[in-house]
Each structure stands twice: as structure tokens, then as C-alpha cells.
Amino acid sequence: MKVAVSIPDRIFEDAERLATEAHRSRSELYARALAEYVARHAPDRVTESMNAAIAALEGDRPDDFAVIAGRRRLESSDW
């Protein structure tokens, strides 16, 4: 999807330099940055996704202890 946004010149210049150094397209850089931002600000979505992935592998939902322990670990980690 194409989106038009306005950002300060300095941030744009830094992002262009980073994309070049990382051998990434501008679109990939912005998409990854936005995905990381969303993940940091929606921790319940991350937890739900991880629980769904584990349930799909095990064919079962994690028990309450695992959910609580996982949530505490994620809350204490630096995203």
C-alpha cells in the first residue's frame, strides 16, 4: 500500500543514509521501523501472536502459568 506522510528533513536524511548503509530500500526501512514502533506500543498484540504461534505448534493453548510468566518476561524486556 502506498502512503504519503510528512516528516522533518533531518529524519528523512538520516533515514536515507541508514537505508543506503543497510542496503535496504526506503520502503523496507520505513515498513520495518513502523512495524517495530507498533510492536513496542501494542505489547498485547505481540503476546497474542506469540501465544497463537505456540498453540499452533502444540495444538493446544498455553496454560495460565505460561501466559502469566510469558507476559511478565515480555514486560521486563527492552523492546
PDB file of N, CA and C in Angstrom:
ATOM      1  N   MET A   1       0.843  -1.165   0.000  1.00  0.00           N
ATOM      2  CA  MET A   1       0.000   0.000   0.000  1.00  0.00           C
ATOM      3  C   MET A   1       0.891   1.232   0.000  1.00  0.00           C
ATOM      4  N   LYS A   2       0.553   2.201  -0.772  1.00  0.00           N
ATOM      5  CA  LYS A   2       1.295   3.455  -0.800  1.00  0.00           C
ATOM      6  C   LYS A   2       0.655   4.441   0.163  1.00  0.00           C
ATOM      7  N   VAL A   3       1.521   5.172   0.877  1.00  0.00           N
ATOM      8  CA  VAL A   3       1.069   6.154   1.852  1.00  0.00           C
ATOM      9  C   VAL A   3       1.966   7.383   1.730  1.00  0.00           C
ATOM     10  N   ALA A   4       1.381   8.550   1.788  1.00  0.00           N
ATOM     11  CA  ALA A   4       2.156   9.786   1.771  1.00  0.00           C
ATOM     12  C   ALA A   4       2.149  10.379   3.174  1.00  0.00           C
ATOM     13  N   VAL A   5       3.331  10.650   3.708  1.00  0.00           N
ATOM     14  CA  VAL A   5       3.457  11.245   5.033  1.00  0.00           C
ATOM     15  C   VAL A   5       4.476  12.376   4.975  1.00  0.00           C
ATOM     16  N   SER A   6       4.399  13.271   5.923  1.00  0.00           N
ATOM     17  CA  SER A   6       5.368  14.359   6.047  1.00  0.00           C
ATOM     18  C   SER A   6       6.232  14.104   7.264  1.00  0.00           C
ATOM     19  N   ILE A   7       7.548  14.214   7.082  1.00  0.00           N
ATOM     20  CA  ILE A   7       8.480  14.055   8.200  1.00  0.00           C
ATOM     21  C   ILE A   7       9.516  15.173   8.115  1.00  0.00           C
ATOM     22  N   PRO A   8      10.139  15.510   9.221  1.00  0.00           N
ATOM     23  CA  PRO A   8      11.170  16.549   9.199  1.00  0.00           C
ATOM     24  C   PRO A   8      12.332  16.161   8.288  1.00  0.00           C
ATOM     25  N   ASP A   9      12.925  17.161   7.656  1.00  0.00           N
ATOM     26  CA  ASP A   9      14.042  16.926   6.732  1.00  0.00           C
ATOM     27  C   ASP A   9      15.170  16.125   7.374  1.00  0.00           C
ATOM     28  N   ARG A  10      15.501  16.455   8.586  1.00  0.00           N
ATOM     29  CA  ARG A  10      16.625  15.785   9.262  1.00  0.00           C
ATOM     30  C   ARG A  10      16.354  14.287   9.421  1.00  0.00           C
ATOM     31  N   ILE A  11      15.151  13.918   9.809  1.00  0.00           N
ATOM     32  CA  ILE A  11      14.808  12.497   9.957  1.00  0.00           C
ATOM     33  C   ILE A  11      14.860  11.811   8.596  1.00  0.00           C
ATOM     34  N   PHE A  12      14.356  12.488   7.560  1.00  0.00           N
ATOM     35  CA  PHE A  12      14.404  11.918   6.218  1.00  0.00           C
ATOM     36  C   PHE A  12      15.847  11.661   5.788  1.00  0.00           C
ATOM     37  N   GLU A  13      16.717  12.644   6.021  1.00  0.00           N
ATOM     38  CA  GLU A  13      18.129  12.493   5.627  1.00  0.00           C
ATOM     39  C   GLU A  13      18.797  11.342   6.387  1.00  0.00           C
ATOM     40  N   ASP A  14      18.515  11.256   7.688  1.00  0.00           N
ATOM     41  CA  ASP A  14      19.083  10.158   8.480  1.00  0.00           C
ATOM     42  C   ASP A  14      18.566   8.805   7.992  1.00  0.00           C
ATOM     43  N   ALA A  15      17.291   8.750   7.664  1.00  0.00           N
ATOM     44  CA  ALA A  15      16.697   7.503   7.173  1.00  0.00           C
ATOM     45  C   ALA A  15      17.280   7.116   5.814  1.00  0.00           C
ATOM     46  N   GLU A  16      17.476   8.089   4.945  1.00  0.00           N
ATOM     47  CA  GLU A  16      18.081   7.803   3.630  1.00  0.00           C
ATOM     48  C   GLU A  16      19.485   7.237   3.797  1.00  0.00           C
ATOM     49  N   ARG A  17      20.246   7.846   4.705  1.00  0.00           N
ATOM     50  CA  ARG A  17      21.614   7.381   4.949  1.00  0.00           C
ATOM     51  C   ARG A  17      21.594   5.960   5.512  1.00  0.00           C
ATOM     52  N   LEU A  18      20.704   5.697   6.458  1.00  0.00           N
ATOM     53  CA  LEU A  18      20.600   4.367   7.053  1.00  0.00           C
ATOM     54  C   LEU A  18      20.187   3.326   6.022  1.00  0.00           C
ATOM     55  N   ALA A  19      19.222   3.651   5.187  1.00  0.00           N
ATOM     56  CA  ALA A  19      18.773   2.710   4.150  1.00  0.00           C
ATOM     57  C   ALA A  19      19.920   2.367   3.206  1.00  0.00           C
ATOM     58  N   THR A  20      20.681   3.379   2.831  1.00  0.00           N
ATOM     59  CA  THR A  20      21.821   3.153   1.932  1.00  0.00           C
ATOM     60  C   THR A  20      22.868   2.263   2.593  1.00  0.00           C
ATOM     61  N   GLU A  21      23.214   2.592   3.840  1.00  0.00           N
ATOM     62  CA  GLU A  21      24.221   1.811   4.561  1.00  0.00           C
ATOM     63  C   GLU A  21      23.773   0.369   4.805  1.00  0.00           C
ATOM     64  N   ALA A  22      22.486   0.172   5.013  1.00  0.00           N
ATOM     65  CA  ALA A  22      21.955  -1.162   5.294  1.00  0.00           C
ATOM     66  C   ALA A  22      21.581  -1.924   4.024  1.00  0.00           C
ATOM     67  N   HIS A  23      21.778  -1.283   2.862  1.00  0.00           N
ATOM     68  CA  HIS A  23      21.410  -1.893   1.580  1.00  0.00           C
ATOM     69  C   HIS A  23      19.945  -2.307   1.561  1.00  0.00           C
ATOM     70  N   ARG A  24      19.098  -1.404   2.042  1.00  0.00           N
ATOM     71  CA  ARG A  24      17.656  -1.618   2.082  1.00  0.00           C
ATOM     72  C   ARG A  24      16.980  -0.524   1.273  1.00  0.00           C
ATOM     73  N   SER A  25      15.802  -0.833   0.776  1.00  0.00           N
ATOM     74  CA  SER A  25      15.029   0.202   0.093  1.00  0.00           C
ATOM     75  C   SER A  25      14.419   1.129   1.136  1.00  0.00           C
ATOM     76  N   ARG A  26      14.067   2.308   0.719  1.00  0.00           N
ATOM     77  CA  ARG A  26      13.390   3.249   1.610  1.00  0.00           C
ATOM     78  C   ARG A  26      12.105   2.630   2.146  1.00  0.00           C
ATOM     79  N   SER A  27      11.355   1.971   1.270  1.00  0.00           N
ATOM     80  CA  SER A  27      10.092   1.349   1.694  1.00  0.00           C
ATOM     81  C   SER A  27      10.323   0.297   2.769  1.00  0.00           C
ATOM     82  N   GLU A  28      11.340  -0.537   2.587  1.00  0.00           N
ATOM     83  CA  GLU A  28      11.619  -1.570   3.577  1.00  0.00           C
ATOM     84  C   GLU A  28      12.029  -0.953   4.906  1.00  0.00           C
ATOM     85  N   LEU A  29      12.857   0.078   4.851  1.00  0.00           N
ATOM     86  CA  LEU A  29      13.286   0.739   6.078  1.00  0.00           C
ATOM     87  C   LEU A  29      12.094   1.304   6.842  1.00  0.00           C
ATOM     88  N   TYR A  30      11.226   2.031   6.156  1.00  0.00           N
ATOM     89  CA  TYR A  30      10.066   2.627   6.819  1.00  0.00           C
ATOM     90  C   TYR A  30       9.095   1.549   7.317  1.00  0.00           C
ATOM     91  N   ALA A  31       8.898   0.497   6.540  1.00  0.00           N
ATOM     92  CA  ALA A  31       7.997  -0.577   6.958  1.00  0.00           C
ATOM     93  C   ALA A  31       8.524  -1.262   8.215  1.00  0.00           C
ATOM     94  N   ARG A  32       9.830  -1.542   8.250  1.00  0.00           N
ATOM     95  CA  ARG A  32      10.415  -2.183   9.433  1.00  0.00           C
ATOM     96  C   ARG A  32      10.346  -1.252  10.646  1.00  0.00           C
ATOM     97  N   ALA A  33      10.622   0.019  10.436  1.00  0.00           N
ATOM     98  CA  ALA A  33      10.573   0.976  11.541  1.00  0.00           C
ATOM     99  C   ALA A  33       9.158   1.079  12.107  1.00  0.00           C
ATOM    100  N   LEU A  34       8.192   1.145  11.240  1.00  0.00           N
ATOM    101  CA  LEU A  34       6.805   1.251  11.694  1.00  0.00           C
ATOM    102  C   LEU A  34       6.352  -0.035  12.384  1.00  0.00           C
ATOM    103  N   ALA A  35       6.755  -1.179  11.860  1.00  0.00           N
ATOM    104  CA  ALA A  35       6.410  -2.450  12.494  1.00  0.00           C
ATOM    105  C   ALA A  35       6.994  -2.531  13.899  1.00  0.00           C
ATOM    106  N   GLU A  36       8.234  -2.085  14.057  1.00  0.00           N
ATOM    107  CA  GLU A  36       8.860  -2.087  15.384  1.00  0.00           C
ATOM    108  C   GLU A  36       8.135  -1.131  16.324  1.00  0.00           C
ATOM    109  N   TYR A  37       7.774   0.029  15.836  1.00  0.00           N
ATOM    110  CA  TYR A  37       7.046   1.003  16.652  1.00  0.00           C
ATOM    111  C   TYR A  37       5.710   0.423  17.122  1.00  0.00           C
ATOM    112  N   VAL A  38       4.984  -0.187  16.205  1.00  0.00           N
ATOM    113  CA  VAL A  38       3.690  -0.779  16.548  1.00  0.00           C
ATOM    114  C   VAL A  38       3.879  -1.883  17.581  1.00  0.00           C
ATOM    115  N   ALA A  39       4.886  -2.720  17.401  1.00  0.00           N
ATOM    116  CA  ALA A  39       5.137  -3.810  18.344  1.00  0.00           C
ATOM    117  C   ALA A  39       5.466  -3.269  19.734  1.00  0.00           C
ATOM    118  N   ARG A  40       6.225  -2.195  19.794  1.00  0.00           N
ATOM    119  CA  ARG A  40       6.581  -1.609  21.092  1.00  0.00           C
ATOM    120  C   ARG A  40       5.381  -0.993  21.789  1.00  0.00           C
ATOM    121  N   HIS A  41       4.434  -0.511  21.032  1.00  0.00           N
ATOM    122  CA  HIS A  41       3.304   0.195  21.623  1.00  0.00           C
ATOM    123  C   HIS A  41       2.024  -0.638  21.671  1.00  0.00           C
ATOM    124  N   ALA A  42       2.111  -1.873  21.274  1.00  0.00           N
ATOM    125  CA  ALA A  42       0.959  -2.782  21.353  1.00  0.00           C
ATOM    126  C   ALA A  42       1.442  -4.131  21.874  1.00  0.00           C
ATOM    127  N   PRO A  43       1.989  -4.174  23.116  1.00  0.00           N
ATOM    128  CA  PRO A  43       2.571  -5.426  23.613  1.00  0.00           C
ATOM    129  C   PRO A  43       1.571  -6.569  23.707  1.00  0.00           C
ATOM    130  N   ASP A  44       0.297  -6.262  23.921  1.00  0.00           N
ATOM    131  CA  ASP A  44      -0.689  -7.346  23.976  1.00  0.00           C
ATOM    132  C   ASP A  44      -0.817  -8.041  22.632  1.00  0.00           C
ATOM    133  N   ARG A  45      -0.666  -7.288  21.528  1.00  0.00           N
ATOM    134  CA  ARG A  45      -0.707  -7.917  20.202  1.00  0.00           C
ATOM    135  C   ARG A  45       0.460  -8.867  20.020  1.00  0.00           C
ATOM    136  N   VAL A  46       1.629  -8.478  20.519  1.00  0.00           N
ATOM    137  CA  VAL A  46       2.803  -9.345  20.418  1.00  0.00           C
ATOM    138  C   VAL A  46       2.560 -10.618  21.220  1.00  0.00           C
ATOM    139  N   THR A  47       2.053 -10.459  22.443  1.00  0.00           N
ATOM    140  CA  THR A  47       1.774 -11.617  23.286  1.00  0.00           C
ATOM    141  C   THR A  47       0.747 -12.526  22.639  1.00  0.00           C
ATOM    142  N   GLU A  48      -0.314 -11.949  22.105  1.00  0.00           N
ATOM    143  CA  GLU A  48      -1.345 -12.753  21.439  1.00  0.00           C
ATOM    144  C   GLU A  48      -0.773 -13.506  20.257  1.00  0.00           C
ATOM    145  N   SER A  49       0.076 -12.850  19.478  1.00  0.00           N
ATOM    146  CA  SER A  49       0.689 -13.505  18.320  1.00  0.00           C
ATOM    147  C   SER A  49       1.590 -14.658  18.751  1.00  0.00           C
ATOM    148  N   MET A  50       2.360 -14.431  19.795  1.00  0.00           N
ATOM    149  CA  MET A  50       3.244 -15.487  20.283  1.00  0.00           C
ATOM    150  C   MET A  50       2.425 -16.655  20.826  1.00  0.00           C
ATOM    151  N   ASN A  51       1.368 -16.364  21.575  1.00  0.00           N
ATOM    152  CA  ASN A  51       0.509 -17.427  22.092  1.00  0.00           C
ATOM    153  C   ASN A  51      -0.129 -18.219  20.965  1.00  0.00           C
ATOM    154  N   ALA A  52      -0.569 -17.527  19.915  1.00  0.00           N
ATOM    155  CA  ALA A  52      -1.182 -18.210  18.772  1.00  0.00           C
ATOM    156  C   ALA A  52      -0.165 -19.108  18.068  1.00  0.00           C
ATOM    157  N   ALA A  53       1.065 -18.615  17.928  1.00  0.00           N
ATOM    158  CA  ALA A  53       2.101 -19.417  17.279  1.00  0.00           C
ATOM    159  C   ALA A  53       2.418 -20.671  18.089  1.00  0.00           C
ATOM    160  N   ILE A  54       2.518 -20.515  19.394  1.00  0.00           N
ATOM    161  CA  ILE A  54       2.789 -21.668  20.260  1.00  0.00           C
ATOM    162  C   ILE A  54       1.633 -22.654  20.212  1.00  0.00           C
ATOM    163  N   ALA A  55       0.411 -22.137  20.259  1.00  0.00           N
ATOM    164  CA  ALA A  55      -0.763 -23.017  20.215  1.00  0.00           C
ATOM    165  C   ALA A  55      -0.807 -23.785  18.901  1.00  0.00           C
ATOM    166  N   ALA A  56      -0.435 -23.142  17.811  1.00  0.00           N
ATOM    167  CA  ALA A  56      -0.445 -23.823  16.518  1.00  0.00           C
ATOM    168  C   ALA A  56       0.588 -24.947  16.487  1.00  0.00           C
ATOM    169  N   LEU A  57       1.734 -24.723  17.119  1.00  0.00           N
ATOM    170  CA  LEU A  57       2.772 -25.754  17.160  1.00  0.00           C
ATOM    171  C   LEU A  57       2.381 -26.907  18.068  1.00  0.00           C
ATOM    172  N   GLU A  58       1.802 -26.596  19.193  1.00  0.00           N
ATOM    173  CA  GLU A  58       1.457 -27.617  20.162  1.00  0.00           C
ATOM    174  C   GLU A  58       0.057 -28.178  19.941  1.00  0.00           C
ATOM    175  N   GLY A  59      -0.758 -27.449  19.183  1.00  0.00           N
ATOM    176  CA  GLY A  59      -2.129 -27.867  19.007  1.00  0.00           C
ATOM    177  C   GLY A  59      -2.946 -27.660  20.262  1.00  0.00           C
ATOM    178  N   ASP A  60      -2.437 -26.809  21.144  1.00  0.00           N
ATOM    179  CA  ASP A  60      -3.092 -26.598  22.428  1.00  0.00           C
ATOM    180  C   ASP A  60      -2.794 -25.172  22.888  1.00  0.00           C
ATOM    181  N   ARG A  61      -3.664 -24.626  23.695  1.00  0.00           N
ATOM    182  CA  ARG A  61      -3.423 -23.296  24.253  1.00  0.00           C
ATOM    183  C   ARG A  61      -2.495 -23.428  25.455  1.00  0.00           C
ATOM    184  N   PRO A  62      -1.627 -22.418  25.667  1.00  0.00           N
ATOM    185  CA  PRO A  62      -0.743 -22.479  26.839  1.00  0.00           C
ATOM    186  C   PRO A  62      -1.550 -22.371  28.126  1.00  0.00           C
ATOM    187  N   ASP A  63      -1.022 -22.979  29.195  1.00  0.00           N
ATOM    188  CA  ASP A  63      -1.726 -22.899  30.475  1.00  0.00           C
ATOM    189  C   ASP A  63      -1.558 -21.507  31.082  1.00  0.00           C
ATOM    190  N   ASP A  64      -2.334 -21.228  32.109  1.00  0.00           N
ATOM    191  CA  ASP A  64      -2.324 -19.897  32.726  1.00  0.00           C
ATOM    192  C   ASP A  64      -0.940 -19.500  33.213  1.00  0.00           C
ATOM    193  N   PHE A  65      -0.204 -20.442  33.799  1.00  0.00           N
ATOM    194  CA  PHE A  65       1.134 -20.134  34.296  1.00  0.00           C
ATOM    195  C   PHE A  65       2.033 -19.648  33.165  1.00  0.00           C
ATOM    196  N   ALA A  66       1.993 -20.339  32.035  1.00  0.00           N
ATOM    197  CA  ALA A  66       2.834 -19.965  30.900  1.00  0.00           C
ATOM    198  C   ALA A  66       2.461 -18.586  30.373  1.00  0.00           C
ATOM    199  N   VAL A  67       1.192 -18.283  30.328  1.00  0.00           N
ATOM    200  CA  VAL A  67       0.738 -16.976  29.845  1.00  0.00           C
ATOM    201  C   VAL A  67       1.235 -15.871  30.771  1.00  0.00           C
ATOM    202  N   ILE A  68       1.058 -16.074  32.083  1.00  0.00           N
ATOM    203  CA  ILE A  68       1.488 -15.056  33.055  1.00  0.00           C
ATOM    204  C   ILE A  68       3.002 -14.895  33.033  1.00  0.00           C
ATOM    205  N   ALA A  69       3.734 -15.995  33.022  1.00  0.00           N
ATOM    206  CA  ALA A  69       5.193 -15.934  33.004  1.00  0.00           C
ATOM    207  C   ALA A  69       5.693 -15.273  31.729  1.00  0.00           C
ATOM    208  N   GLY A  70       5.099 -15.605  30.603  1.00  0.00           N
ATOM    209  CA  GLY A  70       5.497 -15.001  29.340  1.00  0.00           C
ATOM    210  C   GLY A  70       5.229 -13.505  29.310  1.00  0.00           C
ATOM    211  N   ARG A  71       4.072 -13.106  29.805  1.00  0.00           N
ATOM    212  CA  ARG A  71       3.729 -11.680  29.839  1.00  0.00           C
ATOM    213  C   ARG A  71       4.698 -10.913  30.734  1.00  0.00           C
ATOM    214  N   ARG A  72       5.026 -11.470  31.908  1.00  0.00           N
ATOM    215  CA  ARG A  72       5.972 -10.796  32.800  1.00  0.00           C
ATOM    216  C   ARG A  72       7.345 -10.659  32.161  1.00  0.00           C
ATOM    217  N   ARG A  73       7.750 -11.698  31.460  1.00  0.00           N
ATOM    218  CA  ARG A  73       9.073 -11.654  30.794  1.00  0.00           C
ATOM    219  C   ARG A  73       9.084 -10.581  29.706  1.00  0.00           C
ATOM    220  N   LEU A  74       8.028 -10.524  28.913  1.00  0.00           N
ATOM    221  CA  LEU A  74       7.961  -9.525  27.853  1.00  0.00           C
ATOM    222  C   LEU A  74       7.909  -8.110  28.418  1.00  0.00           C
ATOM    223  N   GLU A  75       7.163  -7.926  29.498  1.00  0.00           N
ATOM    224  CA  GLU A  75       7.066  -6.595  30.107  1.00  0.00           C
ATOM    225  C   GLU A  75       8.393  -6.130  30.672  1.00  0.00           C
ATOM    226  N   SER A  76       9.235  -7.058  31.113  1.00  0.00           N
ATOM    227  CA  SER A  76      10.524  -6.686  31.688  1.00  0.00           C
ATOM    228  C   SER A  76      11.620  -6.545  30.646  1.00  0.00           C
ATOM    229  N   SER A  77      11.362  -6.963  29.421  1.00  0.00           N
ATOM    230  CA  SER A  77      12.388  -6.870  28.378  1.00  0.00           C
ATOM    231  C   SER A  77      12.297  -5.542  27.656  1.00  0.00           C
ATOM    232  N   ASP A  78      13.434  -5.122  27.118  1.00  0.00           N
ATOM    233  CA  ASP A  78      13.524  -3.845  26.421  1.00  0.00           C
ATOM    234  C   ASP A  78      13.278  -4.058  24.934  1.00  0.00           C
ATOM    235  N   TRP A  79      12.109  -3.654  24.454  1.00  0.00           N
ATOM    236  CA  TRP A  79      11.784  -3.810  23.031  1.00  0.00           C
ATOM    237  C   TRP A  79      12.332  -2.632  22.333  1.00  0.00           C
TER     238      TRP A  79
END
